[in-house]
Amino acid sequence: MKKKYGKVSNRIRLIGVSRMKGAEEMVDYYLVHPIYGREYAFTRRYTRATYDLVKGGIPIKELLCVKSKDKMTMKLVNYTSLMMPYFMEEISWMAA
């Protein structure tokens, strides 16, 4: 059973920024709030489907509800869900 993060604002988005790291292309993910700015979240391997999903920004609540047959997209959703308690605790404006 997945936890619900009702206190998270719909204005908080996850944005992916592509970059090269050695031989692999990686995506840096940032949590973005229109007032408080941008906070680094994590880095994951690049896949076309996940990058297309987050390159323009996707609200966190919407991302946690994504269902897809794409394995890497579901890994991103599960990892974000796993990291949510950390984000809520460490990033002060996440719960605001």
PDB file of N, CA and C in Angstrom:
ATOM      1  N   MET A   1       0.833  -1.175   0.000  1.00  0.00           N
ATOM      2  CA  MET A   1       0.000   0.000   0.000  1.00  0.00           C
ATOM      3  C   MET A   1       0.884   1.247   0.000  1.00  0.00           C
ATOM      4  N   LYS A   2       0.660   2.125  -0.959  1.00  0.00           N
ATOM      5  CA  LYS A   2       1.466   3.332  -1.058  1.00  0.00           C
ATOM      6  C   LYS A   2       0.967   4.399  -0.096  1.00  0.00           C
ATOM      7  N   LYS A   3       1.930   5.155   0.409  1.00  0.00           N
ATOM      8  CA  LYS A   3       1.568   6.261   1.290  1.00  0.00           C
ATOM      9  C   LYS A   3       1.068   7.424   0.448  1.00  0.00           C
ATOM     10  N   LYS A   4       0.168   8.172   1.013  1.00  0.00           N
ATOM     11  CA  LYS A   4      -0.344   9.369   0.348  1.00  0.00           C
ATOM     12  C   LYS A   4       0.325  10.579   0.978  1.00  0.00           C
ATOM     13  N   TYR A   5       0.779  11.470   0.157  1.00  0.00           N
ATOM     14  CA  TYR A   5       1.437  12.682   0.628  1.00  0.00           C
ATOM     15  C   TYR A   5       0.530  13.861   0.350  1.00  0.00           C
ATOM     16  N   GLY A   6      -0.530  13.970   1.131  1.00  0.00           N
ATOM     17  CA  GLY A   6      -1.537  15.003   0.934  1.00  0.00           C
ATOM     18  C   GLY A   6      -1.055  16.403   1.228  1.00  0.00           C
ATOM     19  N   LYS A   7       0.014  16.520   2.032  1.00  0.00           N
ATOM     20  CA  LYS A   7       0.507  17.835   2.405  1.00  0.00           C
ATOM     21  C   LYS A   7       1.376  18.477   1.322  1.00  0.00           C
ATOM     22  N   VAL A   8       1.736  17.727   0.320  1.00  0.00           N
ATOM     23  CA  VAL A   8       2.595  18.241  -0.736  1.00  0.00           C
ATOM     24  C   VAL A   8       1.773  19.115  -1.676  1.00  0.00           C
ATOM     25  N   SER A   9       2.276  20.303  -1.948  1.00  0.00           N
ATOM     26  CA  SER A   9       1.581  21.246  -2.814  1.00  0.00           C
ATOM     27  C   SER A   9       1.574  20.759  -4.262  1.00  0.00           C
ATOM     28  N   ASN A  10       0.518  21.067  -4.982  1.00  0.00           N
ATOM     29  CA  ASN A  10       0.456  20.731  -6.407  1.00  0.00           C
ATOM     30  C   ASN A  10       1.404  21.595  -7.230  1.00  0.00           C
ATOM     31  N   ARG A  11       1.922  22.660  -6.634  1.00  0.00           N
ATOM     32  CA  ARG A  11       2.824  23.552  -7.365  1.00  0.00           C
ATOM     33  C   ARG A  11       4.257  23.032  -7.401  1.00  0.00           C
ATOM     34  N   ILE A  12       4.568  21.999  -6.615  1.00  0.00           N
ATOM     35  CA  ILE A  12       5.920  21.432  -6.612  1.00  0.00           C
ATOM     36  C   ILE A  12       6.036  20.448  -7.765  1.00  0.00           C
ATOM     37  N   ARG A  13       7.055  20.675  -8.592  1.00  0.00           N
ATOM     38  CA  ARG A  13       7.257  19.859  -9.785  1.00  0.00           C
ATOM     39  C   ARG A  13       8.603  19.155  -9.742  1.00  0.00           C
ATOM     40  N   LEU A  14       8.708  18.038 -10.434  1.00  0.00           N
ATOM     41  CA  LEU A  14       9.975  17.349 -10.629  1.00  0.00           C
ATOM     42  C   LEU A  14      10.408  17.623 -12.055  1.00  0.00           C
ATOM     43  N   ILE A  15      11.603  18.184 -12.202  1.00  0.00           N
ATOM     44  CA  ILE A  15      12.130  18.520 -13.521  1.00  0.00           C
ATOM     45  C   ILE A  15      13.428  17.763 -13.737  1.00  0.00           C
ATOM     46  N   GLY A  16      13.618  17.231 -14.937  1.00  0.00           N
ATOM     47  CA  GLY A  16      14.837  16.509 -15.290  1.00  0.00           C
ATOM     48  C   GLY A  16      15.707  17.333 -16.204  1.00  0.00           C
ATOM     49  N   VAL A  17      17.016  17.350 -15.904  1.00  0.00           N
ATOM     50  CA  VAL A  17      18.002  18.063 -16.721  1.00  0.00           C
ATOM     51  C   VAL A  17      19.028  17.035 -17.186  1.00  0.00           C
ATOM     52  N   SER A  18      19.138  16.854 -18.493  1.00  0.00           N
ATOM     53  CA  SER A  18      20.035  15.855 -19.059  1.00  0.00           C
ATOM     54  C   SER A  18      21.480  16.355 -19.034  1.00  0.00           C
ATOM     55  N   ARG A  19      22.429  15.418 -18.756  1.00  0.00           N
ATOM     56  CA  ARG A  19      23.851  15.753 -18.801  1.00  0.00           C
ATOM     57  C   ARG A  19      24.654  14.487 -19.072  1.00  0.00           C
ATOM     58  N   MET A  20      25.851  14.675 -19.591  1.00  0.00           N
ATOM     59  CA  MET A  20      26.745  13.550 -19.853  1.00  0.00           C
ATOM     60  C   MET A  20      27.643  13.334 -18.649  1.00  0.00           C
ATOM     61  N   LYS A  21      27.777  12.076 -18.210  1.00  0.00           N
ATOM     62  CA  LYS A  21      28.671  11.730 -17.111  1.00  0.00           C
ATOM     63  C   LYS A  21      29.453  10.501 -17.542  1.00  0.00           C
ATOM     64  N   GLY A  22      30.677  10.714 -17.995  1.00  0.00           N
ATOM     65  CA  GLY A  22      31.480   9.602 -18.488  1.00  0.00           C
ATOM     66  C   GLY A  22      30.876   9.032 -19.758  1.00  0.00           C
ATOM     67  N   ALA A  23      30.719   7.722 -19.802  1.00  0.00           N
ATOM     68  CA  ALA A  23      30.165   7.067 -20.988  1.00  0.00           C
ATOM     69  C   ALA A  23      28.640   7.031 -20.961  1.00  0.00           C
ATOM     70  N   GLU A  24      28.042   7.250 -19.790  1.00  0.00           N
ATOM     71  CA  GLU A  24      26.590   7.182 -19.675  1.00  0.00           C
ATOM     72  C   GLU A  24      25.977   8.570 -19.626  1.00  0.00           C
ATOM     73  N   GLU A  25      24.814   8.689 -20.212  1.00  0.00           N
ATOM     74  CA  GLU A  25      24.066   9.936 -20.101  1.00  0.00           C
ATOM     75  C   GLU A  25      23.173   9.819 -18.869  1.00  0.00           C
ATOM     76  N   MET A  26      23.188  10.860 -18.047  1.00  0.00           N
ATOM     77  CA  MET A  26      22.439  10.857 -16.797  1.00  0.00           C
ATOM     78  C   MET A  26      21.422  11.992 -16.816  1.00  0.00           C
ATOM     79  N   VAL A  27      20.441  11.893 -15.938  1.00  0.00           N
ATOM     80  CA  VAL A  27      19.456  12.961 -15.780  1.00  0.00           C
ATOM     81  C   VAL A  27      19.486  13.390 -14.314  1.00  0.00           C
ATOM     82  N   ASP A  28      19.707  14.685 -14.097  1.00  0.00           N
ATOM     83  CA  ASP A  28      19.620  15.255 -12.755  1.00  0.00           C
ATOM     84  C   ASP A  28      18.181  15.689 -12.541  1.00  0.00           C
ATOM     85  N   TYR A  29      17.589  15.265 -11.443  1.00  0.00           N
ATOM     86  CA  TYR A  29      16.212  15.615 -11.131  1.00  0.00           C
ATOM     87  C   TYR A  29      16.203  16.680 -10.039  1.00  0.00           C
ATOM     88  N   TYR A  30      15.372  17.688 -10.223  1.00  0.00           N
ATOM     89  CA  TYR A  30      15.258  18.788  -9.272  1.00  0.00           C
ATOM     90  C   TYR A  30      13.798  18.959  -8.884  1.00  0.00           C
ATOM     91  N   LEU A  31      13.575  19.295  -7.609  1.00  0.00           N
ATOM     92  CA  LEU A  31      12.250  19.685  -7.141  1.00  0.00           C
ATOM     93  C   LEU A  31      12.164  21.193  -7.291  1.00  0.00           C
ATOM     94  N   VAL A  32      11.129  21.660  -7.965  1.00  0.00           N
ATOM     95  CA  VAL A  32      11.007  23.082  -8.261  1.00  0.00           C
ATOM     96  C   VAL A  32       9.709  23.621  -7.677  1.00  0.00           C
ATOM     97  N   HIS A  33       9.833  24.728  -6.960  1.00  0.00           N
ATOM     98  CA  HIS A  33       8.681  25.440  -6.403  1.00  0.00           C
ATOM     99  C   HIS A  33       8.721  26.847  -6.979  1.00  0.00           C
ATOM    100  N   PRO A  34       7.589  27.408  -7.438  1.00  0.00           N
ATOM    101  CA  PRO A  34       7.608  28.724  -8.082  1.00  0.00           C
ATOM    102  C   PRO A  34       8.083  29.856  -7.166  1.00  0.00           C
ATOM    103  N   ILE A  35       7.943  29.718  -5.861  1.00  0.00           N
ATOM    104  CA  ILE A  35       8.374  30.775  -4.939  1.00  0.00           C
ATOM    105  C   ILE A  35       9.760  30.495  -4.369  1.00  0.00           C
ATOM    106  N   TYR A  36       9.993  29.253  -3.914  1.00  0.00           N
ATOM    107  CA  TYR A  36      11.224  28.925  -3.199  1.00  0.00           C
ATOM    108  C   TYR A  36      12.380  28.507  -4.094  1.00  0.00           C
ATOM    109  N   GLY A  37      12.128  28.255  -5.348  1.00  0.00           N
ATOM    110  CA  GLY A  37      13.211  27.929  -6.273  1.00  0.00           C
ATOM    111  C   GLY A  37      13.397  26.440  -6.491  1.00  0.00           C
ATOM    112  N   ARG A  38      14.648  26.069  -6.781  1.00  0.00           N
ATOM    113  CA  ARG A  38      14.973  24.719  -7.214  1.00  0.00           C
ATOM    114  C   ARG A  38      15.887  24.030  -6.202  1.00  0.00           C
ATOM    115  N   GLU A  39      15.615  22.769  -5.927  1.00  0.00           N
ATOM    116  CA  GLU A  39      16.395  21.974  -4.974  1.00  0.00           C
ATOM    117  C   GLU A  39      16.751  20.653  -5.649  1.00  0.00           C
ATOM    118  N   TYR A  40      18.047  20.273  -5.582  1.00  0.00           N
ATOM    119  CA  TYR A  40      18.489  19.011  -6.175  1.00  0.00           C
ATOM    120  C   TYR A  40      17.813  17.843  -5.474  1.00  0.00           C
ATOM    121  N   ALA A  41      17.330  16.868  -6.244  1.00  0.00           N
ATOM    122  CA  ALA A  41      16.668  15.696  -5.662  1.00  0.00           C
ATOM    123  C   ALA A  41      17.553  14.451  -5.793  1.00  0.00           C
ATOM    124  N   PHE A  42      17.861  14.034  -7.031  1.00  0.00           N
ATOM    125  CA  PHE A  42      18.666  12.836  -7.247  1.00  0.00           C
ATOM    126  C   PHE A  42      19.086  12.760  -8.712  1.00  0.00           C
ATOM    127  N   THR A  43      19.939  11.790  -9.029  1.00  0.00           N
ATOM    128  CA  THR A  43      20.403  11.552 -10.396  1.00  0.00           C
ATOM    129  C   THR A  43      20.091  10.109 -10.764  1.00  0.00           C
ATOM    130  N   ARG A  44      19.599   9.912 -11.973  1.00  0.00           N
ATOM    131  CA  ARG A  44      19.289   8.568 -12.466  1.00  0.00           C
ATOM    132  C   ARG A  44      19.790   8.444 -13.907  1.00  0.00           C
ATOM    133  N   ARG A  45      19.853   7.187 -14.409  1.00  0.00           N
ATOM    134  CA  ARG A  45      20.257   6.954 -15.794  1.00  0.00           C
ATOM    135  C   ARG A  45      19.216   7.513 -16.753  1.00  0.00           C
ATOM    136  N   TYR A  46      19.695   7.969 -17.896  1.00  0.00           N
ATOM    137  CA  TYR A  46      18.833   8.541 -18.924  1.00  0.00           C
ATOM    138  C   TYR A  46      18.089   7.442 -19.670  1.00  0.00           C
ATOM    139  N   THR A  47      16.802   7.615 -19.823  1.00  0.00           N
ATOM    140  CA  THR A  47      16.012   6.859 -20.790  1.00  0.00           C
ATOM    141  C   THR A  47      15.073   7.866 -21.446  1.00  0.00           C
ATOM    142  N   ARG A  48      14.759   7.622 -22.669  1.00  0.00           N
ATOM    143  CA  ARG A  48      13.930   8.557 -23.434  1.00  0.00           C
ATOM    144  C   ARG A  48      12.555   8.766 -22.786  1.00  0.00           C
ATOM    145  N   ALA A  49      11.935   7.682 -22.343  1.00  0.00           N
ATOM    146  CA  ALA A  49      10.578   7.769 -21.779  1.00  0.00           C
ATOM    147  C   ALA A  49      10.559   8.593 -20.492  1.00  0.00           C
ATOM    148  N   THR A  50      11.527   8.353 -19.592  1.00  0.00           N
ATOM    149  CA  THR A  50      11.526   9.094 -18.329  1.00  0.00           C
ATOM    150  C   THR A  50      11.893  10.553 -18.553  1.00  0.00           C
ATOM    151  N   TYR A  51      12.833  10.801 -19.458  1.00  0.00           N
ATOM    152  CA  TYR A  51      13.224  12.185 -19.718  1.00  0.00           C
ATOM    153  C   TYR A  51      12.072  12.971 -20.356  1.00  0.00           C
ATOM    154  N   ASP A  52      11.359  12.353 -21.294  1.00  0.00           N
ATOM    155  CA  ASP A  52      10.204  13.015 -21.909  1.00  0.00           C
ATOM    156  C   ASP A  52       9.115  13.311 -20.876  1.00  0.00           C
ATOM    157  N   LEU A  53       8.995  12.448 -19.875  1.00  0.00           N
ATOM    158  CA  LEU A  53       7.989  12.635 -18.835  1.00  0.00           C
ATOM    159  C   LEU A  53       8.286  13.857 -17.966  1.00  0.00           C
ATOM    160  N   VAL A  54       9.571  14.102 -17.667  1.00  0.00           N
ATOM    161  CA  VAL A  54       9.908  15.142 -16.685  1.00  0.00           C
ATOM    162  C   VAL A  54      10.633  16.361 -17.246  1.00  0.00           C
ATOM    163  N   LYS A  55      10.951  16.389 -18.521  1.00  0.00           N
ATOM    164  CA  LYS A  55      11.752  17.505 -19.030  1.00  0.00           C
ATOM    165  C   LYS A  55      11.038  18.849 -18.926  1.00  0.00           C
ATOM    166  N   GLY A  56       9.725  18.874 -18.997  1.00  0.00           N
ATOM    167  CA  GLY A  56       8.976  20.115 -18.849  1.00  0.00           C
ATOM    168  C   GLY A  56       8.467  20.315 -17.433  1.00  0.00           C
ATOM    169  N   GLY A  57       8.658  19.317 -16.600  1.00  0.00           N
ATOM    170  CA  GLY A  57       8.194  19.389 -15.218  1.00  0.00           C
ATOM    171  C   GLY A  57       6.867  18.673 -15.059  1.00  0.00           C
ATOM    172  N   ILE A  58       6.783  17.846 -14.047  1.00  0.00           N
ATOM    173  CA  ILE A  58       5.552  17.123 -13.749  1.00  0.00           C
ATOM    174  C   ILE A  58       5.278  17.299 -12.256  1.00  0.00           C
ATOM    175  N   PRO A  59       4.050  17.621 -11.890  1.00  0.00           N
ATOM    176  CA  PRO A  59       3.743  17.744 -10.456  1.00  0.00           C
ATOM    177  C   PRO A  59       4.027  16.427  -9.731  1.00  0.00           C
ATOM    178  N   ILE A  60       4.581  16.534  -8.525  1.00  0.00           N
ATOM    179  CA  ILE A  60       4.944  15.355  -7.749  1.00  0.00           C
ATOM    180  C   ILE A  60       3.748  14.426  -7.541  1.00  0.00           C
ATOM    181  N   LYS A  61       2.594  14.989  -7.185  1.00  0.00           N
ATOM    182  CA  LYS A  61       1.407  14.149  -6.957  1.00  0.00           C
ATOM    183  C   LYS A  61       1.021  13.379  -8.211  1.00  0.00           C
ATOM    184  N   GLU A  62       1.160  14.004  -9.369  1.00  0.00           N
ATOM    185  CA  GLU A  62       0.827  13.344 -10.636  1.00  0.00           C
ATOM    186  C   GLU A  62       1.840  12.243 -10.943  1.00  0.00           C
ATOM    187  N   LEU A  63       3.127  12.503 -10.675  1.00  0.00           N
ATOM    188  CA  LEU A  63       4.165  11.512 -10.934  1.00  0.00           C
ATOM    189  C   LEU A  63       3.958  10.259 -10.096  1.00  0.00           C
ATOM    190  N   LEU A  64       3.566  10.423  -8.842  1.00  0.00           N
ATOM    191  CA  LEU A  64       3.381   9.277  -7.960  1.00  0.00           C
ATOM    192  C   LEU A  64       2.200   8.403  -8.370  1.00  0.00           C
ATOM    193  N   CYS A  65       1.323   8.916  -9.228  1.00  0.00           N
ATOM    194  CA  CYS A  65       0.156   8.157  -9.696  1.00  0.00           C
ATOM    195  C   CYS A  65       0.338   7.562 -11.092  1.00  0.00           C
ATOM    196  N   VAL A  66       1.491   7.772 -11.708  1.00  0.00           N
ATOM    197  CA  VAL A  66       1.728   7.286 -13.076  1.00  0.00           C
ATOM    198  C   VAL A  66       1.774   5.762 -13.092  1.00  0.00           C
ATOM    199  N   LYS A  67       1.081   5.177 -14.043  1.00  0.00           N
ATOM    200  CA  LYS A  67       1.128   3.735 -14.293  1.00  0.00           C
ATOM    201  C   LYS A  67       1.575   3.556 -15.740  1.00  0.00           C
ATOM    202  N   SER A  68       2.611   2.766 -15.945  1.00  0.00           N
ATOM    203  CA  SER A  68       3.160   2.600 -17.283  1.00  0.00           C
ATOM    204  C   SER A  68       3.705   1.183 -17.451  1.00  0.00           C
ATOM    205  N   LYS A  69       3.757   0.731 -18.683  1.00  0.00           N
ATOM    206  CA  LYS A  69       4.379  -0.556 -18.975  1.00  0.00           C
ATOM    207  C   LYS A  69       5.892  -0.418 -19.107  1.00  0.00           C
ATOM    208  N   ASP A  70       6.369   0.818 -19.205  1.00  0.00           N
ATOM    209  CA  ASP A  70       7.800   1.071 -19.319  1.00  0.00           C
ATOM    210  C   ASP A  70       8.479   0.841 -17.966  1.00  0.00           C
ATOM    211  N   LYS A  71       9.453  -0.063 -17.953  1.00  0.00           N
ATOM    212  CA  LYS A  71      10.115  -0.460 -16.716  1.00  0.00           C
ATOM    213  C   LYS A  71      10.859   0.704 -16.055  1.00  0.00           C
ATOM    214  N   MET A  72      11.564   1.508 -16.827  1.00  0.00           N
ATOM    215  CA  MET A  72      12.342   2.606 -16.253  1.00  0.00           C
ATOM    216  C   MET A  72      11.440   3.715 -15.704  1.00  0.00           C
ATOM    217  N   THR A  73      10.303   3.940 -16.330  1.00  0.00           N
ATOM    218  CA  THR A  73       9.354   4.925 -15.812  1.00  0.00           C
ATOM    219  C   THR A  73       8.838   4.482 -14.455  1.00  0.00           C
ATOM    220  N   MET A  74       8.511   3.217 -14.321  1.00  0.00           N
ATOM    221  CA  MET A  74       8.021   2.713 -13.040  1.00  0.00           C
ATOM    222  C   MET A  74       9.124   2.713 -11.979  1.00  0.00           C
ATOM    223  N   LYS A  75      10.371   2.497 -12.395  1.00  0.00           N
ATOM    224  CA  LYS A  75      11.478   2.594 -11.442  1.00  0.00           C
ATOM    225  C   LYS A  75      11.621   4.029 -10.941  1.00  0.00           C
ATOM    226  N   LEU A  76      11.428   5.006 -11.826  1.00  0.00           N
ATOM    227  CA  LEU A  76      11.477   6.409 -11.416  1.00  0.00           C
ATOM    228  C   LEU A  76      10.342   6.728 -10.440  1.00  0.00           C
ATOM    229  N   VAL A  77       9.143   6.258 -10.728  1.00  0.00           N
ATOM    230  CA  VAL A  77       7.994   6.485  -9.847  1.00  0.00           C
ATOM    231  C   VAL A  77       8.242   5.848  -8.482  1.00  0.00           C
ATOM    232  N   ASN A  78       8.724   4.617  -8.474  1.00  0.00           N
ATOM    233  CA  ASN A  78       8.978   3.920  -7.208  1.00  0.00           C
ATOM    234  C   ASN A  78      10.097   4.585  -6.413  1.00  0.00           C
ATOM    235  N   TYR A  79      11.153   5.030  -7.088  1.00  0.00           N
ATOM    236  CA  TYR A  79      12.267   5.689  -6.395  1.00  0.00           C
ATOM    237  C   TYR A  79      11.820   7.031  -5.815  1.00  0.00           C
ATOM    238  N   THR A  80      11.037   7.766  -6.565  1.00  0.00           N
ATOM    239  CA  THR A  80      10.512   9.041  -6.063  1.00  0.00           C
ATOM    240  C   THR A  80       9.623   8.800  -4.855  1.00  0.00           C
ATOM    241  N   SER A  81       8.797   7.778  -4.907  1.00  0.00           N
ATOM    242  CA  SER A  81       7.942   7.427  -3.779  1.00  0.00           C
ATOM    243  C   SER A  81       8.780   7.039  -2.559  1.00  0.00           C
ATOM    244  N   LEU A  82       9.859   6.315  -2.791  1.00  0.00           N
ATOM    245  CA  LEU A  82      10.765   5.924  -1.719  1.00  0.00           C
ATOM    246  C   LEU A  82      11.444   7.137  -1.082  1.00  0.00           C
ATOM    247  N   MET A  83      11.776   8.144  -1.886  1.00  0.00           N
ATOM    248  CA  MET A  83      12.494   9.325  -1.405  1.00  0.00           C
ATOM    249  C   MET A  83      11.579  10.384  -0.789  1.00  0.00           C
ATOM    250  N   MET A  84      10.269  10.274  -0.957  1.00  0.00           N
ATOM    251  CA  MET A  84       9.349  11.304  -0.456  1.00  0.00           C
ATOM    252  C   MET A  84       9.469  11.575   1.049  1.00  0.00           C
ATOM    253  N   PRO A  85       9.594  10.577   1.917  1.00  0.00           N
ATOM    254  CA  PRO A  85       9.759  10.902   3.343  1.00  0.00           C
ATOM    255  C   PRO A  85      11.019  11.737   3.602  1.00  0.00           C
ATOM    256  N   TYR A  86      12.093  11.426   2.875  1.00  0.00           N
ATOM    257  CA  TYR A  86      13.329  12.207   3.002  1.00  0.00           C
ATOM    258  C   TYR A  86      13.102  13.646   2.547  1.00  0.00           C
ATOM    259  N   PHE A  87      12.450  13.823   1.414  1.00  0.00           N
ATOM    260  CA  PHE A  87      12.185  15.179   0.914  1.00  0.00           C
ATOM    261  C   PHE A  87      11.329  15.964   1.900  1.00  0.00           C
ATOM    262  N   MET A  88      10.308  15.311   2.449  1.00  0.00           N
ATOM    263  CA  MET A  88       9.418  15.987   3.389  1.00  0.00           C
ATOM    264  C   MET A  88      10.165  16.417   4.650  1.00  0.00           C
ATOM    265  N   GLU A  89      11.147  15.623   5.067  1.00  0.00           N
ATOM    266  CA  GLU A  89      11.889  15.920   6.285  1.00  0.00           C
ATOM    267  C   GLU A  89      12.996  16.943   6.046  1.00  0.00           C
ATOM    268  N   GLU A  90      13.721  16.815   4.957  1.00  0.00           N
ATOM    269  CA  GLU A  90      14.919  17.622   4.742  1.00  0.00           C
ATOM    270  C   GLU A  90      14.673  18.944   4.019  1.00  0.00           C
ATOM    271  N   ILE A  91      13.679  18.995   3.159  1.00  0.00           N
ATOM    272  CA  ILE A  91      13.435  20.221   2.400  1.00  0.00           C
ATOM    273  C   ILE A  91      12.282  20.947   3.071  1.00  0.00           C
ATOM    274  N   SER A  92      12.599  22.076   3.694  1.00  0.00           N
ATOM    275  CA  SER A  92      11.641  22.756   4.564  1.00  0.00           C
ATOM    276  C   SER A  92      10.364  23.193   3.842  1.00  0.00           C
ATOM    277  N   TRP A  93      10.466  23.612   2.574  1.00  0.00           N
ATOM    278  CA  TRP A  93       9.275  24.124   1.888  1.00  0.00           C
ATOM    279  C   TRP A  93       8.409  23.022   1.276  1.00  0.00           C
ATOM    280  N   MET A  94       8.833  21.747   1.347  1.00  0.00           N
ATOM    281  CA  MET A  94       8.023  20.659   0.790  1.00  0.00           C
ATOM    282  C   MET A  94       6.708  20.504   1.535  1.00  0.00           C
ATOM    283  N   ALA A  95       6.734  20.656   2.842  1.00  0.00           N
ATOM    284  CA  ALA A  95       5.522  20.458   3.638  1.00  0.00           C
ATOM    285  C   ALA A  95       4.739  21.758   3.823  1.00  0.00           C
ATOM    286  N   ALA A  96       5.301  22.858   3.353  1.00  0.00           N
ATOM    287  CA  ALA A  96       4.627  24.161   3.549  1.00  0.00           C
ATOM    288  C   ALA A  96       3.460  24.335   2.612  1.00  0.00           C
TER     289      ALA A  96
END
